[in-house]
Protein backbone atom coordinates (compact mmCIF):
# COMPACT_ATOMS: atom_id res chain seq x y z
CA MET A 1 -8.47 10.21 -21.07
CA ARG A 2 -9.96 7.75 -23.58
CA GLY A 3 -7.00 5.44 -23.03
CA ILE A 4 -7.77 5.29 -19.32
CA LEU A 5 -11.42 4.46 -20.03
CA LYS A 6 -10.47 1.73 -22.51
CA GLU A 7 -7.95 0.27 -20.05
CA THR A 8 -10.56 0.33 -17.27
CA ILE A 9 -13.09 -1.51 -19.44
CA ILE A 10 -10.55 -4.20 -20.32
CA ILE A 11 -9.54 -4.66 -16.69
CA ILE A 12 -13.17 -4.85 -15.56
CA ASP A 13 -13.80 -7.56 -18.17
CA ILE A 14 -10.85 -9.49 -16.74
CA LEU A 15 -12.18 -9.00 -13.18
CA VAL A 16 -15.65 -10.22 -14.22
CA TYR A 17 -14.09 -13.32 -15.74
CA LYS A 18 -11.92 -14.03 -12.66
CA ILE A 19 -14.76 -13.53 -10.18
CA LYS A 20 -17.13 -15.73 -12.16
CA LYS A 21 -14.42 -18.37 -12.66
CA GLN A 22 -13.79 -18.51 -8.90
CA GLY A 23 -17.50 -19.04 -8.41
CA GLY A 24 -17.57 -16.07 -6.10
CA ASP A 25 -20.46 -13.69 -5.82
CA MET A 26 -18.74 -10.70 -4.29
CA THR A 27 -21.73 -8.58 -3.47
CA ILE A 28 -19.86 -5.96 -1.43
CA TRP A 29 -17.21 -3.75 -2.98
CA ILE A 30 -15.00 -1.52 -0.88
CA LEU A 31 -13.25 1.46 -2.40
CA LEU A 32 -10.38 2.52 -0.19
CA ALA A 33 -8.96 5.75 -1.57
CA ASN A 34 -7.25 9.06 -1.13
CA SER A 35 -6.14 11.54 -3.78
CA ALA A 36 -3.02 9.56 -4.73
CA GLU A 37 -3.84 5.87 -4.29
CA ALA A 38 -6.79 3.53 -4.13
CA LYS A 39 -7.76 -0.12 -3.77
CA VAL A 40 -10.91 -1.89 -4.81
CA LEU A 41 -11.67 -4.78 -2.48
CA ALA A 42 -14.50 -7.29 -2.43
CA THR A 43 -16.16 -9.56 0.09
CA ASP A 44 -19.33 -11.55 0.32
CA ASN A 45 -19.73 -11.10 4.07
CA LEU A 46 -18.15 -8.46 6.30
CA ARG A 47 -18.64 -10.48 9.48
CA VAL A 48 -16.68 -13.55 8.48
CA GLY A 49 -15.69 -13.02 4.87
CA GLU A 50 -12.17 -12.29 3.84
CA LEU A 51 -11.33 -9.13 1.93
CA LYS A 52 -10.05 -9.79 -1.57
CA LEU A 53 -8.00 -7.21 -3.42
CA LEU A 54 -9.40 -6.73 -6.92
CA ARG A 55 -7.38 -3.76 -8.14
CA GLU A 56 -4.87 -1.16 -6.97
CA PHE A 57 -4.43 2.32 -8.38
CA ILE A 58 -1.55 4.72 -7.92
CA HIS A 59 -1.73 8.30 -9.15
CA PRO A 60 1.75 9.78 -8.59
CA GLU A 61 0.78 13.11 -10.18
CA SER A 62 -1.34 13.88 -7.12
CA ARG A 63 1.78 13.74 -4.95
CA LYS A 64 3.81 16.12 -7.09
CA LYS A 65 4.44 19.72 -6.13
CA ILE A 66 2.53 22.38 -8.04
CA SER A 67 5.80 23.57 -9.55
CA GLU A 68 6.38 20.09 -11.00
CA LEU A 69 2.92 20.02 -12.56
CA MET A 70 3.11 23.42 -14.24
CA THR A 71 5.10 24.68 -17.16
CA ASP A 72 7.35 27.68 -16.56
CA LYS A 73 4.92 30.36 -17.73
CA PRO A 74 1.44 30.48 -19.08
CA GLY A 75 1.38 30.58 -22.87
CA HIS A 76 -0.12 33.26 -25.06
CA TYR A 77 -1.87 33.10 -28.35
CA LYS A 78 -2.77 35.87 -30.75
CA THR A 79 -6.06 36.37 -32.52
CA ASP A 80 -6.96 38.99 -35.11
CA THR A 81 -7.83 41.55 -32.46
CA ASN A 82 -6.07 40.79 -29.19
CA ALA A 83 -3.54 38.56 -27.50
CA HIS A 84 -5.05 36.17 -24.94
CA SER A 85 -3.48 34.28 -22.11
CA ALA A 86 -3.65 30.51 -22.21
CA TYR A 87 -3.41 30.53 -18.43
CA SER A 88 -5.87 28.38 -16.55
CA LYS A 89 -7.11 29.53 -13.16
CA SER A 90 -7.38 25.92 -11.97
CA ASN A 91 -4.96 24.65 -9.37
CA PRO A 92 -2.91 21.88 -11.06
CA LYS A 93 -3.12 19.66 -7.97
CA ASP A 94 -6.92 19.96 -7.97
CA VAL A 95 -6.97 19.03 -11.64
CA GLU A 96 -4.95 15.87 -10.92
CA VAL A 97 -7.26 14.94 -8.04
CA GLU A 98 -10.23 15.35 -10.42
CA HIS A 99 -8.54 13.10 -13.00
CA PHE A 100 -7.94 10.39 -10.41
CA ALA A 101 -11.48 10.62 -9.06
CA LEU A 102 -12.81 10.32 -12.61
CA GLN A 103 -10.68 7.23 -13.21
CA LEU A 104 -12.03 5.61 -10.03
CA ALA A 105 -15.59 6.61 -10.93
CA HIS A 106 -15.21 4.85 -14.29
CA GLU A 107 -14.00 1.73 -12.48
CA LEU A 108 -16.98 1.75 -10.11
CA LYS A 109 -19.42 2.44 -12.94
CA ALA A 110 -18.04 -0.47 -14.95
CA GLY A 111 -18.41 -2.78 -11.94
CA LEU A 112 -21.95 -1.53 -11.49
CA ASP A 113 -22.76 -2.08 -15.17
CA HIS A 114 -21.59 -5.70 -14.84
CA ASN A 115 -23.63 -6.20 -11.63
CA LEU A 116 -20.51 -7.07 -9.65
CA PHE A 117 -21.73 -5.54 -6.40
CA LYS A 118 -24.95 -4.85 -4.55
CA LYS A 119 -23.39 -2.77 -1.80
CA ILE A 120 -20.49 -0.33 -1.90
CA ILE A 121 -18.44 1.00 0.98
CA ILE A 122 -16.43 4.09 0.07
CA ILE A 123 -13.65 4.93 2.49
CA ALA A 124 -11.93 8.20 1.70
CA PRO A 125 -11.02 11.53 3.30
CA ALA A 126 -13.89 14.03 3.16
CA HIS A 127 -12.42 16.22 0.41
CA PHE A 128 -11.65 13.33 -1.91
CA TYR A 129 -15.03 11.72 -1.21
CA GLY A 130 -16.70 14.95 -2.36
CA VAL A 131 -14.66 15.05 -5.56
CA LEU A 132 -15.43 11.38 -6.27
CA LYS A 133 -19.16 11.88 -5.70
CA LYS A 134 -19.19 14.57 -8.41
CA HIS A 135 -18.32 11.83 -10.90
CA PHE A 136 -20.06 8.77 -9.45
CA ASP A 137 -23.60 8.80 -8.16
CA VAL A 138 -24.69 5.54 -6.54
CA PRO A 139 -28.07 4.35 -7.88
CA HIS A 140 -30.91 3.89 -5.40
CA HIS A 141 -30.93 0.09 -5.69
CA ILE A 142 -27.31 -0.10 -4.47
CA GLU A 143 -26.67 0.25 -0.76
CA GLU A 144 -23.91 2.77 -0.05
CA VAL A 145 -21.92 3.36 3.09
CA HIS A 146 -19.23 5.98 3.33
CA ILE A 147 -16.53 6.38 5.92
CA LEU A 148 -14.66 9.67 5.84
CA LYS A 149 -11.22 8.38 6.85
CA ASP A 150 -7.94 7.62 5.12
CA TYR A 151 -7.26 3.91 5.64
CA THR A 152 -5.12 3.44 2.53
CA LYS A 153 -2.08 2.44 4.60
CA TYR A 154 -3.97 -0.23 6.57
CA THR A 155 -3.25 -3.90 6.01
CA LEU A 156 -6.25 -6.00 4.95
CA GLY A 157 -6.51 -7.51 8.44
CA LYS A 158 -6.42 -4.13 10.20
CA LEU A 159 -8.92 -2.74 7.67
CA HIS A 160 -11.29 -5.65 8.30
CA VAL A 161 -11.25 -4.93 12.05
CA ALA A 162 -11.78 -1.18 11.45
CA LEU A 163 -14.72 -1.89 9.13
CA LYS A 164 -16.34 -4.16 11.71
CA ASP A 165 -15.94 -1.39 14.32
CA HIS A 166 -17.37 1.32 12.04
CA LEU A 167 -20.26 -0.76 10.74
CA LEU A 168 -20.94 -2.63 13.98
CA VAL A 169 -20.98 -6.04 12.29
């Protein structure tokens, strides 16, 4: 998990450099996500601004079957008094969704720490949005909009039209 955090910090530093170099002040970030893939987009104006792709994430583990995520049998370990099961009651798919949500939360937090956005639009199915919100709480000074849909397969043009319709801009 530390490797993911370190990688995220490095990539955010690169994004900060690129955005500042382009002279852009992308004040609106859009997180377009589901449990297996996500995109971070930016714009300075939803009415006329173009959407710029900052980063894409793919989490193939979320698409795997439970049988592919689990070992054959739960392990056992022995203590001085009793044998205990090393079996976890967590659903492996839910664990992978949590890992992905945590990775995205770190990305958003890093962008927030570098003051890269003043408004965030989170577009995700309801379940994944709830998991993400457990790990990322938007501060009061940041405007947040959420849309409980899965638009991850939309092209940038189609997404821009859908955002205008949802937000009435």
